[in-house]
Amino acid sequence: MRIESAKARHGENGSPTPREIATASDKPDIVQLPKRRCLAIDGAGSPGDEGFQQAIAAMYGITYALKFARKKAGKHDFKLGPLEGHWAADVPPGTTGRPPESTWRWRLRIGVPVDVTHDELERIKREVVIKKHGKLVGSPTVGHVFVETIPAERVGRVLHVGPYASEPESFARIGALLADAGLKPAPTHIEVYLNDPRRARPAALRTVLLRELTA
């Protein structure tokens, strides 16, 4: 078993996403994720729903607008990191098996510099919804994006290669590692999408899976 720790810092290549989140191997391990700052948006249901796709569009559109505005203003520039999804389900405690998609709750995140403020984000949101010929002009989804500070946490981690439907096999491997370490997994997890499912073949999808732990 390998256990890593890290200080809160920018990730590699100028990305505010810590390397512990964006990198992993096919061998499960346990890592300490540093405190970080993200843009985020909440939703429910299947990732195939229109609301999920609209949330992705809003997240990327706002993050790019924030990046360009900060660069123009002479502030710290940053490289966009991968999209993350924090997943949970509204099911009774002790429920086993894959919960129905109607019970799924998700929070999409993209890492941003630690000095991004609420007021800065609100200004960007106002600009993107009124920008002439912009992709997010008039978008009702933009208003739901917020800034989130995520505390440091310890997680089980593995790189999953292949379709999302086969993720339970990788989560089972994380679960076995956690059991050996005397740790109990929480019913929530994080998925970090390293490539675009709209362009990659299902067999080539690369996703970092992070299993959160109970207190």
Foldseek 3Di string as FASTA:
>chain_A
DDEEEDEQDAPPPFANQHVVAVDAAQQKDKYKGAKFKKKKFKDAFDCVDPLVVLLVVLRVVLVVLLQVVCVVVVHRHGDKFFKKKKKAFPDDPPDDDDDDRRGIMIMIIIGDDPPDDQVSSVVSLVCQCCPPPHPNPVPPRNVRIGMDIDHMAMWMKRKDAFAPVPCVVSVVSSVVVCVVVVFAFDRMKMKTWPDDPVPDDRRGTIIMIITGTDD
